[in-house]
Amino acid sequence: MDFQTAVRTCLQEKYATIAGRARRSEYWWFALFALIGNGVLGIIDAILFGDAQILSGLFSLAILLPSICVAGRRMHDTGRSAWWLLLCFIPLIGILVLLWWFIQKGTDGRNEYGPDPLADQPA
């Protein structure tokens, strides 16, 4: 999955869909999109509004739901419930555990959350 496909999938096709599975590339390309978008809009905010983060705040709000959903689908790909995302509320340790799970390869074949997203990909 490339950058454009990942962003289109997360923002159009599966905006508020937590069901299913997301391969690593989908999650990480969307994370890069969010990082770049916030960075660029943060610079524009600094130029136009000084300390007020109006544009980057609106952007963050707009991508909050798809960010949570793609993270939940990523958890599903590793065979875990999306409820594990609540670990982010445990300072440092929770974030590190989630990061470790996000970088892990998904389960091979079908799991309880759906078919393997890499199964339809040519070798």
PDB file of N, CA and C in Angstrom:
ATOM      1  N   MET A   1       0.854  -1.177   0.000  1.00  0.00           N
ATOM      2  CA  MET A   1       0.000   0.000   0.000  1.00  0.00           C
ATOM      3  C   MET A   1       0.893   1.231   0.000  1.00  0.00           C
ATOM      4  N   ASP A   2       0.578   2.178  -0.852  1.00  0.00           N
ATOM      5  CA  ASP A   2       1.369   3.402  -0.923  1.00  0.00           C
ATOM      6  C   ASP A   2       0.702   4.522  -0.112  1.00  0.00           C
ATOM      7  N   PHE A   3       1.384   5.671  -0.081  1.00  0.00           N
ATOM      8  CA  PHE A   3       0.936   6.806   0.716  1.00  0.00           C
ATOM      9  C   PHE A   3      -0.481   7.246   0.340  1.00  0.00           C
ATOM     10  N   GLN A   4      -0.713   7.477  -0.955  1.00  0.00           N
ATOM     11  CA  GLN A   4      -2.030   7.951  -1.406  1.00  0.00           C
ATOM     12  C   GLN A   4      -3.138   6.963  -1.088  1.00  0.00           C
ATOM     13  N   THR A   5      -2.887   5.708  -1.324  1.00  0.00           N
ATOM     14  CA  THR A   5      -3.902   4.685  -1.074  1.00  0.00           C
ATOM     15  C   THR A   5      -4.242   4.613   0.412  1.00  0.00           C
ATOM     16  N   ALA A   6      -3.220   4.688   1.250  1.00  0.00           N
ATOM     17  CA  ALA A   6      -3.451   4.625   2.698  1.00  0.00           C
ATOM     18  C   ALA A   6      -4.281   5.813   3.174  1.00  0.00           C
ATOM     19  N   VAL A   7      -3.942   6.998   2.704  1.00  0.00           N
ATOM     20  CA  VAL A   7      -4.678   8.193   3.127  1.00  0.00           C
ATOM     21  C   VAL A   7      -6.112   8.143   2.598  1.00  0.00           C
ATOM     22  N   ARG A   8      -6.280   7.747   1.351  1.00  0.00           N
ATOM     23  CA  ARG A   8      -7.625   7.638   0.769  1.00  0.00           C
ATOM     24  C   ARG A   8      -8.453   6.593   1.521  1.00  0.00           C
ATOM     25  N   THR A   9      -7.841   5.472   1.846  1.00  0.00           N
ATOM     26  CA  THR A   9      -8.549   4.427   2.581  1.00  0.00           C
ATOM     27  C   THR A   9      -9.015   4.938   3.940  1.00  0.00           C
ATOM     28  N   CYS A  10      -8.134   5.615   4.653  1.00  0.00           N
ATOM     29  CA  CYS A  10      -8.469   6.069   6.000  1.00  0.00           C
ATOM     30  C   CYS A  10      -9.436   7.247   6.010  1.00  0.00           C
ATOM     31  N   LEU A  11      -9.345   8.132   5.021  1.00  0.00           N
ATOM     32  CA  LEU A  11     -10.191   9.327   5.031  1.00  0.00           C
ATOM     33  C   LEU A  11     -11.491   9.192   4.260  1.00  0.00           C
ATOM     34  N   GLN A  12     -11.544   8.280   3.288  1.00  0.00           N
ATOM     35  CA  GLN A  12     -12.759   8.154   2.489  1.00  0.00           C
ATOM     36  C   GLN A  12     -13.464   6.823   2.700  1.00  0.00           C
ATOM     37  N   GLU A  13     -12.751   5.746   2.450  1.00  0.00           N
ATOM     38  CA  GLU A  13     -13.391   4.434   2.463  1.00  0.00           C
ATOM     39  C   GLU A  13     -13.708   3.929   3.864  1.00  0.00           C
ATOM     40  N   LYS A  14     -12.813   4.186   4.830  1.00  0.00           N
ATOM     41  CA  LYS A  14     -12.995   3.655   6.183  1.00  0.00           C
ATOM     42  C   LYS A  14     -12.859   4.758   7.230  1.00  0.00           C
ATOM     43  N   TYR A  15     -13.452   5.915   6.986  1.00  0.00           N
ATOM     44  CA  TYR A  15     -13.312   7.078   7.870  1.00  0.00           C
ATOM     45  C   TYR A  15     -13.651   6.740   9.322  1.00  0.00           C
ATOM     46  N   ALA A  16     -14.762   6.073   9.533  1.00  0.00           N
ATOM     47  CA  ALA A  16     -15.203   5.752  10.896  1.00  0.00           C
ATOM     48  C   ALA A  16     -15.431   4.254  11.056  1.00  0.00           C
ATOM     49  N   THR A  17     -14.646   3.450  10.346  1.00  0.00           N
ATOM     50  CA  THR A  17     -14.796   1.994  10.402  1.00  0.00           C
ATOM     51  C   THR A  17     -13.657   1.388  11.190  1.00  0.00           C
ATOM     52  N   ILE A  18     -14.000   0.790  12.308  1.00  0.00           N
ATOM     53  CA  ILE A  18     -12.976   0.142  13.120  1.00  0.00           C
ATOM     54  C   ILE A  18     -12.938  -1.361  12.852  1.00  0.00           C
ATOM     55  N   ALA A  19     -13.961  -1.870  12.171  1.00  0.00           N
ATOM     56  CA  ALA A  19     -14.020  -3.301  11.856  1.00  0.00           C
ATOM     57  C   ALA A  19     -13.007  -3.632  10.766  1.00  0.00           C
ATOM     58  N   GLY A  20     -12.462  -4.806  10.850  1.00  0.00           N
ATOM     59  CA  GLY A  20     -11.505  -5.257   9.853  1.00  0.00           C
ATOM     60  C   GLY A  20     -10.078  -5.128  10.339  1.00  0.00           C
ATOM     61  N   ARG A  21      -9.169  -5.209   9.393  1.00  0.00           N
ATOM     62  CA  ARG A  21      -7.743  -5.205   9.717  1.00  0.00           C
ATOM     63  C   ARG A  21      -7.017  -4.187   8.851  1.00  0.00           C
ATOM     64  N   ALA A  22      -5.949  -3.600   9.395  1.00  0.00           N
ATOM     65  CA  ALA A  22      -5.117  -2.658   8.653  1.00  0.00           C
ATOM     66  C   ALA A  22      -3.675  -3.144   8.681  1.00  0.00           C
ATOM     67  N   ARG A  23      -3.085  -3.280   7.516  1.00  0.00           N
ATOM     68  CA  ARG A  23      -1.676  -3.681   7.456  1.00  0.00           C
ATOM     69  C   ARG A  23      -0.793  -2.555   7.982  1.00  0.00           C
ATOM     70  N   ARG A  24       0.452  -2.905   8.258  1.00  0.00           N
ATOM     71  CA  ARG A  24       1.384  -1.921   8.810  1.00  0.00           C
ATOM     72  C   ARG A  24       1.516  -0.698   7.922  1.00  0.00           C
ATOM     73  N   SER A  25       1.618  -0.914   6.617  1.00  0.00           N
ATOM     74  CA  SER A  25       1.824   0.224   5.711  1.00  0.00           C
ATOM     75  C   SER A  25       0.660   1.206   5.772  1.00  0.00           C
ATOM     76  N   GLU A  26      -0.559   0.705   5.871  1.00  0.00           N
ATOM     77  CA  GLU A  26      -1.722   1.600   5.964  1.00  0.00           C
ATOM     78  C   GLU A  26      -1.616   2.473   7.204  1.00  0.00           C
ATOM     79  N   TYR A  27      -1.301   1.864   8.331  1.00  0.00           N
ATOM     80  CA  TYR A  27      -1.211   2.605   9.580  1.00  0.00           C
ATOM     81  C   TYR A  27      -0.088   3.637   9.539  1.00  0.00           C
ATOM     82  N   TRP A  28       1.102   3.211   9.137  1.00  0.00           N
ATOM     83  CA  TRP A  28       2.256   4.104   9.189  1.00  0.00           C
ATOM     84  C   TRP A  28       2.216   5.193   8.130  1.00  0.00           C
ATOM     85  N   TRP A  29       1.667   4.924   6.948  1.00  0.00           N
ATOM     86  CA  TRP A  29       1.512   5.987   5.954  1.00  0.00           C
ATOM     87  C   TRP A  29       0.519   7.031   6.458  1.00  0.00           C
ATOM     88  N   PHE A  30      -0.560   6.573   7.102  1.00  0.00           N
ATOM     89  CA  PHE A  30      -1.528   7.536   7.626  1.00  0.00           C
ATOM     90  C   PHE A  30      -0.913   8.331   8.777  1.00  0.00           C
ATOM     91  N   ALA A  31      -0.095   7.711   9.605  1.00  0.00           N
ATOM     92  CA  ALA A  31       0.589   8.421  10.688  1.00  0.00           C
ATOM     93  C   ALA A  31       1.524   9.484  10.116  1.00  0.00           C
ATOM     94  N   LEU A  32       2.218   9.161   9.024  1.00  0.00           N
ATOM     95  CA  LEU A  32       3.086  10.138   8.375  1.00  0.00           C
ATOM     96  C   LEU A  32       2.267  11.301   7.817  1.00  0.00           C
ATOM     97  N   PHE A  33       1.123  10.999   7.197  1.00  0.00           N
ATOM     98  CA  PHE A  33       0.217  12.041   6.696  1.00  0.00           C
ATOM     99  C   PHE A  33      -0.196  12.980   7.833  1.00  0.00           C
ATOM    100  N   ALA A  34      -0.564  12.416   8.967  1.00  0.00           N
ATOM    101  CA  ALA A  34      -0.984  13.229  10.111  1.00  0.00           C
ATOM    102  C   ALA A  34       0.164  14.098  10.614  1.00  0.00           C
ATOM    103  N   LEU A  35       1.354  13.539  10.684  1.00  0.00           N
ATOM    104  CA  LEU A  35       2.520  14.275  11.149  1.00  0.00           C
ATOM    105  C   LEU A  35       2.864  15.428  10.204  1.00  0.00           C
ATOM    106  N   ILE A  36       2.900  15.148   8.913  1.00  0.00           N
ATOM    107  CA  ILE A  36       3.212  16.184   7.924  1.00  0.00           C
ATOM    108  C   ILE A  36       2.123  17.256   7.912  1.00  0.00           C
ATOM    109  N   GLY A  37       0.866  16.821   7.925  1.00  0.00           N
ATOM    110  CA  GLY A  37      -0.243  17.779   7.923  1.00  0.00           C
ATOM    111  C   GLY A  37      -0.196  18.705   9.123  1.00  0.00           C
ATOM    112  N   ASN A  38       0.025  18.155  10.299  1.00  0.00           N
ATOM    113  CA  ASN A  38       0.104  18.984  11.501  1.00  0.00           C
ATOM    114  C   ASN A  38       1.320  19.902  11.471  1.00  0.00           C
ATOM    115  N   GLY A  39       2.434  19.398  10.957  1.00  0.00           N
ATOM    116  CA  GLY A  39       3.639  20.218  10.871  1.00  0.00           C
ATOM    117  C   GLY A  39       3.467  21.400   9.937  1.00  0.00           C
ATOM    118  N   VAL A  40       2.970  21.148   8.741  1.00  0.00           N
ATOM    119  CA  VAL A  40       2.762  22.214   7.758  1.00  0.00           C
ATOM    120  C   VAL A  40       1.742  23.223   8.273  1.00  0.00           C
ATOM    121  N   LEU A  41       0.638  22.731   8.791  1.00  0.00           N
ATOM    122  CA  LEU A  41      -0.384  23.653   9.293  1.00  0.00           C
ATOM    123  C   LEU A  41       0.083  24.392  10.541  1.00  0.00           C
ATOM    124  N   GLY A  42       0.944  23.767  11.333  1.00  0.00           N
ATOM    125  CA  GLY A  42       1.523  24.457  12.487  1.00  0.00           C
ATOM    126  C   GLY A  42       2.390  25.633  12.066  1.00  0.00           C
ATOM    127  N   ILE A  43       3.159  25.443  10.989  1.00  0.00           N
ATOM    128  CA  ILE A  43       3.984  26.531  10.459  1.00  0.00           C
ATOM    129  C   ILE A  43       3.101  27.652   9.918  1.00  0.00           C
ATOM    130  N   ILE A  44       2.066  27.278   9.166  1.00  0.00           N
ATOM    131  CA  ILE A  44       1.140  28.278   8.635  1.00  0.00           C
ATOM    132  C   ILE A  44       0.447  29.019   9.775  1.00  0.00           C
ATOM    133  N   ASP A  45       0.046  28.287  10.811  1.00  0.00           N
ATOM    134  CA  ASP A  45      -0.562  28.925  11.986  1.00  0.00           C
ATOM    135  C   ASP A  45       0.386  29.929  12.625  1.00  0.00           C
ATOM    136  N   ALA A  46       1.653  29.546  12.767  1.00  0.00           N
ATOM    137  CA  ALA A  46       2.633  30.440  13.388  1.00  0.00           C
ATOM    138  C   ALA A  46       2.808  31.712  12.565  1.00  0.00           C
ATOM    139  N   ILE A  47       2.788  31.583  11.253  1.00  0.00           N
ATOM    140  CA  ILE A  47       2.944  32.752  10.385  1.00  0.00           C
ATOM    141  C   ILE A  47       1.707  33.647  10.446  1.00  0.00           C
ATOM    142  N   LEU A  48       0.525  33.036  10.358  1.00  0.00           N
ATOM    143  CA  LEU A  48      -0.710  33.817  10.285  1.00  0.00           C
ATOM    144  C   LEU A  48      -1.258  34.260  11.636  1.00  0.00           C
ATOM    145  N   PHE A  49      -1.183  33.381  12.637  1.00  0.00           N
ATOM    146  CA  PHE A  49      -1.885  33.633  13.899  1.00  0.00           C
ATOM    147  C   PHE A  49      -0.981  33.702  15.124  1.00  0.00           C
ATOM    148  N   GLY A  50       0.312  33.575  14.957  1.00  0.00           N
ATOM    149  CA  GLY A  50       1.206  33.593  16.109  1.00  0.00           C
ATOM    150  C   GLY A  50       1.107  32.294  16.895  1.00  0.00           C
ATOM    151  N   ASP A  51       0.751  32.402  18.156  1.00  0.00           N
ATOM    152  CA  ASP A  51       0.688  31.218  19.021  1.00  0.00           C
ATOM    153  C   ASP A  51      -0.586  30.402  18.863  1.00  0.00           C
ATOM    154  N   ALA A  52      -1.609  30.972  18.274  1.00  0.00           N
ATOM    155  CA  ALA A  52      -2.888  30.261  18.115  1.00  0.00           C
ATOM    156  C   ALA A  52      -2.727  29.135  17.088  1.00  0.00           C
ATOM    157  N   GLN A  53      -3.146  27.958  17.442  1.00  0.00           N
ATOM    158  CA  GLN A  53      -3.041  26.788  16.568  1.00  0.00           C
ATOM    159  C   GLN A  53      -4.403  26.472  15.962  1.00  0.00           C
ATOM    160  N   ILE A  54      -4.920  27.364  15.165  1.00  0.00           N
ATOM    161  CA  ILE A  54      -6.270  27.229  14.626  1.00  0.00           C
ATOM    162  C   ILE A  54      -6.347  26.154  13.552  1.00  0.00           C
ATOM    163  N   LEU A  55      -5.538  26.276  12.512  1.00  0.00           N
ATOM    164  CA  LEU A  55      -5.602  25.330  11.396  1.00  0.00           C
ATOM    165  C   LEU A  55      -5.149  23.933  11.794  1.00  0.00           C
ATOM    166  N   SER A  56      -4.038  23.854  12.526  1.00  0.00           N
ATOM    167  CA  SER A  56      -3.569  22.529  12.934  1.00  0.00           C
ATOM    168  C   SER A  56      -4.523  21.897  13.940  1.00  0.00           C
ATOM    169  N   GLY A  57      -5.179  22.699  14.751  1.00  0.00           N
ATOM    170  CA  GLY A  57      -6.182  22.176  15.680  1.00  0.00           C
ATOM    171  C   GLY A  57      -7.390  21.608  14.951  1.00  0.00           C
ATOM    172  N   LEU A  58      -7.849  22.332  13.929  1.00  0.00           N
ATOM    173  CA  LEU A  58      -8.973  21.841  13.127  1.00  0.00           C
ATOM    174  C   LEU A  58      -8.595  20.566  12.366  1.00  0.00           C
ATOM    175  N   PHE A  59      -7.367  20.542  11.840  1.00  0.00           N
ATOM    176  CA  PHE A  59      -6.889  19.354  11.140  1.00  0.00           C
ATOM    177  C   PHE A  59      -6.835  18.154  12.094  1.00  0.00           C
ATOM    178  N   SER A  60      -6.287  18.375  13.279  1.00  0.00           N
ATOM    179  CA  SER A  60      -6.210  17.294  14.276  1.00  0.00           C
ATOM    180  C   SER A  60      -7.595  16.779  14.648  1.00  0.00           C
ATOM    181  N   LEU A  61      -8.527  17.679  14.800  1.00  0.00           N
ATOM    182  CA  LEU A  61      -9.900  17.297  15.115  1.00  0.00           C
ATOM    183  C   LEU A  61     -10.519  16.491  13.969  1.00  0.00           C
ATOM    184  N   ALA A  62     -10.247  16.907  12.730  1.00  0.00           N
ATOM    185  CA  ALA A  62     -10.805  16.214  11.560  1.00  0.00           C
ATOM    186  C   ALA A  62     -10.261  14.807  11.395  1.00  0.00           C
ATOM    187  N   ILE A  63      -9.003  14.584  11.782  1.00  0.00           N
ATOM    188  CA  ILE A  63      -8.419  13.251  11.590  1.00  0.00           C
ATOM    189  C   ILE A  63      -8.409  12.420  12.878  1.00  0.00           C
ATOM    190  N   LEU A  64      -9.019  12.918  13.933  1.00  0.00           N
ATOM    191  CA  LEU A  64      -9.054  12.171  15.194  1.00  0.00           C
ATOM    192  C   LEU A  64      -9.756  10.825  15.035  1.00  0.00           C
ATOM    193  N   LEU A  65     -10.965  10.830  14.497  1.00  0.00           N
ATOM    194  CA  LEU A  65     -11.729   9.590  14.341  1.00  0.00           C
ATOM    195  C   LEU A  65     -11.042   8.602  13.397  1.00  0.00           C
ATOM    196  N   PRO A  66     -10.593   9.015  12.203  1.00  0.00           N
ATOM    197  CA  PRO A  66      -9.904   8.039  11.360  1.00  0.00           C
ATOM    198  C   PRO A  66      -8.595   7.541  11.970  1.00  0.00           C
ATOM    199  N   SER A  67      -7.936   8.363  12.770  1.00  0.00           N
ATOM    200  CA  SER A  67      -6.708   7.923  13.436  1.00  0.00           C
ATOM    201  C   SER A  67      -6.994   6.824  14.451  1.00  0.00           C
ATOM    202  N   ILE A  68      -8.052   7.009  15.222  1.00  0.00           N
ATOM    203  CA  ILE A  68      -8.438   5.989  16.204  1.00  0.00           C
ATOM    204  C   ILE A  68      -8.863   4.708  15.485  1.00  0.00           C
ATOM    205  N   CYS A  69      -9.616   4.855  14.413  1.00  0.00           N
ATOM    206  CA  CYS A  69     -10.110   3.689  13.678  1.00  0.00           C
ATOM    207  C   CYS A  69      -8.985   2.903  13.016  1.00  0.00           C
ATOM    208  N   VAL A  70      -8.027   3.587  12.378  1.00  0.00           N
ATOM    209  CA  VAL A  70      -6.924   2.852  11.743  1.00  0.00           C
ATOM    210  C   VAL A  70      -6.054   2.191  12.810  1.00  0.00           C
ATOM    211  N   ALA A  71      -5.907   2.810  13.962  1.00  0.00           N
ATOM    212  CA  ALA A  71      -5.154   2.178  15.053  1.00  0.00           C
ATOM    213  C   ALA A  71      -5.895   0.938  15.561  1.00  0.00           C
ATOM    214  N   GLY A  72      -7.214   1.022  15.655  1.00  0.00           N
ATOM    215  CA  GLY A  72      -8.005  -0.141  16.064  1.00  0.00           C
ATOM    216  C   GLY A  72      -7.900  -1.277  15.060  1.00  0.00           C
ATOM    217  N   ARG A  73      -7.955  -0.934  13.769  1.00  0.00           N
ATOM    218  CA  ARG A  73      -7.798  -1.964  12.737  1.00  0.00           C
ATOM    219  C   ARG A  73      -6.396  -2.558  12.764  1.00  0.00           C
ATOM    220  N   ARG A  74      -5.402  -1.741  13.115  1.00  0.00           N
ATOM    221  CA  ARG A  74      -4.026  -2.247  13.241  1.00  0.00           C
ATOM    222  C   ARG A  74      -3.945  -3.239  14.408  1.00  0.00           C
ATOM    223  N   MET A  75      -4.614  -2.921  15.510  1.00  0.00           N
ATOM    224  CA  MET A  75      -4.654  -3.853  16.640  1.00  0.00           C
ATOM    225  C   MET A  75      -5.327  -5.156  16.212  1.00  0.00           C
ATOM    226  N   HIS A  76      -6.403  -5.045  15.443  1.00  0.00           N
ATOM    227  CA  HIS A  76      -7.089  -6.241  14.950  1.00  0.00           C
ATOM    228  C   HIS A  76      -6.150  -7.097  14.099  1.00  0.00           C
ATOM    229  N   ASP A  77      -5.293  -6.456  13.311  1.00  0.00           N
ATOM    230  CA  ASP A  77      -4.378  -7.206  12.456  1.00  0.00           C
ATOM    231  C   ASP A  77      -3.386  -8.020  13.279  1.00  0.00           C
ATOM    232  N   THR A  78      -3.067  -7.538  14.479  1.00  0.00           N
ATOM    233  CA  THR A  78      -2.159  -8.284  15.344  1.00  0.00           C
ATOM    234  C   THR A  78      -2.903  -9.257  16.258  1.00  0.00           C
ATOM    235  N   GLY A  79      -4.216  -9.380  16.055  1.00  0.00           N
ATOM    236  CA  GLY A  79      -4.999 -10.333  16.837  1.00  0.00           C
ATOM    237  C   GLY A  79      -5.466  -9.795  18.179  1.00  0.00           C
ATOM    238  N   ARG A  80      -5.418  -8.485  18.365  1.00  0.00           N
ATOM    239  CA  ARG A  80      -5.823  -7.889  19.637  1.00  0.00           C
ATOM    240  C   ARG A  80      -7.075  -7.035  19.444  1.00  0.00           C
ATOM    241  N   SER A  81      -7.811  -6.858  20.502  1.00  0.00           N
ATOM    242  CA  SER A  81      -8.994  -6.002  20.481  1.00  0.00           C
ATOM    243  C   SER A  81      -8.565  -4.539  20.410  1.00  0.00           C
ATOM    244  N   ALA A  82      -9.397  -3.720  19.792  1.00  0.00           N
ATOM    245  CA  ALA A  82      -9.121  -2.280  19.719  1.00  0.00           C
ATOM    246  C   ALA A  82      -9.183  -1.630  21.104  1.00  0.00           C
ATOM    247  N   TRP A  83      -9.789  -2.303  22.058  1.00  0.00           N
ATOM    248  CA  TRP A  83      -9.836  -1.768  23.417  1.00  0.00           C
ATOM    249  C   TRP A  83      -8.439  -1.621  24.019  1.00  0.00           C
ATOM    250  N   TRP A  84      -7.452  -2.332  23.480  1.00  0.00           N
ATOM    251  CA  TRP A  84      -6.078  -2.201  23.954  1.00  0.00           C
ATOM    252  C   TRP A  84      -5.533  -0.797  23.706  1.00  0.00           C
ATOM    253  N   LEU A  85      -6.167  -0.023  22.832  1.00  0.00           N
ATOM    254  CA  LEU A  85      -5.723   1.348  22.590  1.00  0.00           C
ATOM    255  C   LEU A  85      -5.824   2.214  23.843  1.00  0.00           C
ATOM    256  N   LEU A  86      -6.641   1.784  24.794  1.00  0.00           N
ATOM    257  CA  LEU A  86      -6.757   2.533  26.045  1.00  0.00           C
ATOM    258  C   LEU A  86      -5.459   2.533  26.842  1.00  0.00           C
ATOM    259  N   LEU A  87      -4.516   1.685  26.462  1.00  0.00           N
ATOM    260  CA  LEU A  87      -3.203   1.699  27.114  1.00  0.00           C
ATOM    261  C   LEU A  87      -2.498   3.042  26.946  1.00  0.00           C
ATOM    262  N   CYS A  88      -2.901   3.811  25.949  1.00  0.00           N
ATOM    263  CA  CYS A  88      -2.257   5.113  25.727  1.00  0.00           C
ATOM    264  C   CYS A  88      -2.440   6.045  26.919  1.00  0.00           C
ATOM    265  N   PHE A  89      -3.389   5.743  27.790  1.00  0.00           N
ATOM    266  CA  PHE A  89      -3.607   6.575  28.970  1.00  0.00           C
ATOM    267  C   PHE A  89      -2.663   6.236  30.120  1.00  0.00           C
ATOM    268  N   ILE A  90      -1.851   5.202  29.952  1.00  0.00           N
ATOM    269  CA  ILE A  90      -0.811   4.885  30.934  1.00  0.00           C
ATOM    270  C   ILE A  90       0.456   5.588  30.444  1.00  0.00           C
ATOM    271  N   PRO A  91       0.943   6.557  31.187  1.00  0.00           N
ATOM    272  CA  PRO A  91       2.091   7.330  30.709  1.00  0.00           C
ATOM    273  C   PRO A  91       3.300   6.451  30.358  1.00  0.00           C
ATOM    274  N   LEU A  92       3.919   6.762  29.283  1.00  0.00           N
ATOM    275  CA  LEU A  92       5.122   6.157  28.730  1.00  0.00           C
ATOM    276  C   LEU A  92       5.003   4.664  28.455  1.00  0.00           C
ATOM    277  N   ILE A  93       4.737   3.853  29.464  1.00  0.00           N
ATOM    278  CA  ILE A  93       4.685   2.399  29.283  1.00  0.00           C
ATOM    279  C   ILE A  93       3.587   2.013  28.293  1.00  0.00           C
ATOM    280  N   GLY A  94       2.413   2.599  28.425  1.00  0.00           N
ATOM    281  CA  GLY A  94       1.309   2.278  27.528  1.00  0.00           C
ATOM    282  C   GLY A  94       1.635   2.628  26.088  1.00  0.00           C
ATOM    283  N   ILE A  95       2.237   3.793  25.888  1.00  0.00           N
ATOM    284  CA  ILE A  95       2.611   4.223  24.535  1.00  0.00           C
ATOM    285  C   ILE A  95       3.663   3.289  23.956  1.00  0.00           C
ATOM    286  N   LEU A  96       4.634   2.900  24.756  1.00  0.00           N
ATOM    287  CA  LEU A  96       5.688   2.001  24.274  1.00  0.00           C
ATOM    288  C   LEU A  96       5.142   0.629  23.909  1.00  0.00           C
ATOM    289  N   VAL A  97       4.222   0.115  24.703  1.00  0.00           N
ATOM    290  CA  VAL A  97       3.606  -1.182  24.395  1.00  0.00           C
ATOM    291  C   VAL A  97       2.824  -1.092  23.091  1.00  0.00           C
ATOM    292  N   LEU A  98       2.024  -0.035  22.941  1.00  0.00           N
ATOM    293  CA  LEU A  98       1.263   0.139  21.700  1.00  0.00           C
ATOM    294  C   LEU A  98       2.192   0.294  20.508  1.00  0.00           C
ATOM    295  N   LEU A  99       3.245   1.059  20.654  1.00  0.00           N
ATOM    296  CA  LEU A  99       4.208   1.225  19.566  1.00  0.00           C
ATOM    297  C   LEU A  99       4.806  -0.117  19.162  1.00  0.00           C
ATOM    298  N   TRP A 100       5.146  -0.928  20.136  1.00  0.00           N
ATOM    299  CA  TRP A 100       5.688  -2.257  19.864  1.00  0.00           C
ATOM    300  C   TRP A 100       4.676  -3.106  19.075  1.00  0.00           C
ATOM    301  N   TRP A 101       3.420  -3.048  19.468  1.00  0.00           N
ATOM    302  CA  TRP A 101       2.401  -3.822  18.761  1.00  0.00           C
ATOM    303  C   TRP A 101       2.163  -3.272  17.360  1.00  0.00           C
ATOM    304  N   PHE A 102       2.233  -1.945  17.203  1.00  0.00           N
ATOM    305  CA  PHE A 102       2.020  -1.352  15.881  1.00  0.00           C
ATOM    306  C   PHE A 102       3.100  -1.758  14.885  1.00  0.00           C
ATOM    307  N   ILE A 103       4.312  -2.014  15.349  1.00  0.00           N
ATOM    308  CA  ILE A 103       5.389  -2.375  14.426  1.00  0.00           C
ATOM    309  C   ILE A 103       5.466  -3.876  14.161  1.00  0.00           C
ATOM    310  N   GLN A 104       4.697  -4.658  14.910  1.00  0.00           N
ATOM    311  CA  GLN A 104       4.714  -6.108  14.720  1.00  0.00           C
ATOM    312  C   GLN A 104       3.967  -6.510  13.451  1.00  0.00           C
ATOM    313  N   LYS A 105       4.418  -7.607  12.859  1.00  0.00           N
ATOM    314  CA  LYS A 105       3.727  -8.175  11.703  1.00  0.00           C
ATOM    315  C   LYS A 105       2.359  -8.681  12.149  1.00  0.00           C
ATOM    316  N   GLY A 106       1.368  -8.515  11.306  1.00  0.00           N
ATOM    317  CA  GLY A 106       0.029  -9.003  11.616  1.00  0.00           C
ATOM    318  C   GLY A 106      -0.016 -10.526  11.606  1.00  0.00           C
ATOM    319  N   THR A 107      -1.079 -11.073  12.147  1.00  0.00           N
ATOM    320  CA  THR A 107      -1.221 -12.524  12.145  1.00  0.00           C
ATOM    321  C   THR A 107      -1.427 -13.013  10.717  1.00  0.00           C
ATOM    322  N   ASP A 108      -0.812 -14.139  10.407  1.00  0.00           N
ATOM    323  CA  ASP A 108      -0.962 -14.732   9.076  1.00  0.00           C
ATOM    324  C   ASP A 108      -2.327 -15.370   8.947  1.00  0.00           C
ATOM    325  N   GLY A 109      -2.919 -15.206   7.779  1.00  0.00           N
ATOM    326  CA  GLY A 109      -4.222 -15.813   7.526  1.00  0.00           C
ATOM    327  C   GLY A 109      -5.340 -15.082   8.238  1.00  0.00           C
ATOM    328  N   ARG A 110      -6.478 -15.680   8.184  1.00  0.00           N
ATOM    329  CA  ARG A 110      -7.675 -15.100   8.790  1.00  0.00           C
ATOM    330  C   ARG A 110      -7.585 -15.165  10.315  1.00  0.00           C
ATOM    331  N   ASN A 111      -8.071 -14.112  10.976  1.00  0.00           N
ATOM    332  CA  ASN A 111      -8.227 -14.161  12.431  1.00  0.00           C
ATOM    333  C   ASN A 111      -9.653 -13.740  12.759  1.00  0.00           C
ATOM    334  N   GLU A 112      -9.963 -13.562  14.025  1.00  0.00           N
ATOM    335  CA  GLU A 112     -11.345 -13.279  14.406  1.00  0.00           C
ATOM    336  C   GLU A 112     -11.843 -11.921  13.913  1.00  0.00           C
ATOM    337  N   TYR A 113     -10.941 -11.070  13.407  1.00  0.00           N
ATOM    338  CA  TYR A 113     -11.325  -9.742  12.949  1.00  0.00           C
ATOM    339  C   TYR A 113     -11.436  -9.641  11.431  1.00  0.00           C
ATOM    340  N   GLY A 114     -11.130 -10.718  10.717  1.00  0.00           N
ATOM    341  CA  GLY A 114     -11.287 -10.694   9.282  1.00  0.00           C
ATOM    342  C   GLY A 114     -10.137 -11.363   8.545  1.00  0.00           C
ATOM    343  N   PRO A 115     -10.198 -11.320   7.210  1.00  0.00           N
ATOM    344  CA  PRO A 115      -9.148 -11.955   6.418  1.00  0.00           C
ATOM    345  C   PRO A 115      -7.838 -11.162   6.467  1.00  0.00           C
ATOM    346  N   ASP A 116      -6.772 -11.832   6.143  1.00  0.00           N
ATOM    347  CA  ASP A 116      -5.448 -11.235   6.121  1.00  0.00           C
ATOM    348  C   ASP A 116      -5.389 -10.170   5.021  1.00  0.00           C
ATOM    349  N   PRO A 117      -5.074  -8.903   5.364  1.00  0.00           N
ATOM    350  CA  PRO A 117      -5.031  -7.877   4.318  1.00  0.00           C
ATOM    351  C   PRO A 117      -3.883  -8.089   3.333  1.00  0.00           C
ATOM    352  N   LEU A 118      -2.898  -8.877   3.681  1.00  0.00           N
ATOM    353  CA  LEU A 118      -1.784  -9.155   2.775  1.00  0.00           C
ATOM    354  C   LEU A 118      -2.037 -10.364   1.895  1.00  0.00           C
ATOM    355  N   ALA A 119      -3.113 -11.107   2.139  1.00  0.00           N
ATOM    356  CA  ALA A 119      -3.383 -12.327   1.375  1.00  0.00           C
ATOM    357  C   ALA A 119      -3.668 -12.031  -0.083  1.00  0.00           C
ATOM    358  N   ASP A 120      -4.282 -10.874  -0.368  1.00  0.00           N
ATOM    359  CA  ASP A 120      -4.621 -10.549  -1.752  1.00  0.00           C
ATOM    360  C   ASP A 120      -3.483  -9.828  -2.478  1.00  0.00           C
ATOM    361  N   GLN A 121      -2.386  -9.588  -1.760  1.00  0.00           N
ATOM    362  CA  GLN A 121      -1.253  -8.888  -2.349  1.00  0.00           C
ATOM    363  C   GLN A 121      -0.352  -9.868  -3.080  1.00  0.00           C
ATOM    364  N   PRO A 122       0.091  -9.536  -4.314  1.00  0.00           N
ATOM    365  CA  PRO A 122       0.975 -10.445  -5.035  1.00  0.00           C
ATOM    366  C   PRO A 122       2.331 -10.570  -4.340  1.00  0.00           C
ATOM    367  N   ALA A 123       2.922 -11.730  -4.439  1.00  0.00           N
ATOM    368  CA  ALA A 123       4.187 -12.001  -3.754  1.00  0.00           C
ATOM    369  C   ALA A 123       5.355 -11.338  -4.429  1.00  0.00           C
TER     370      ALA A 123
END
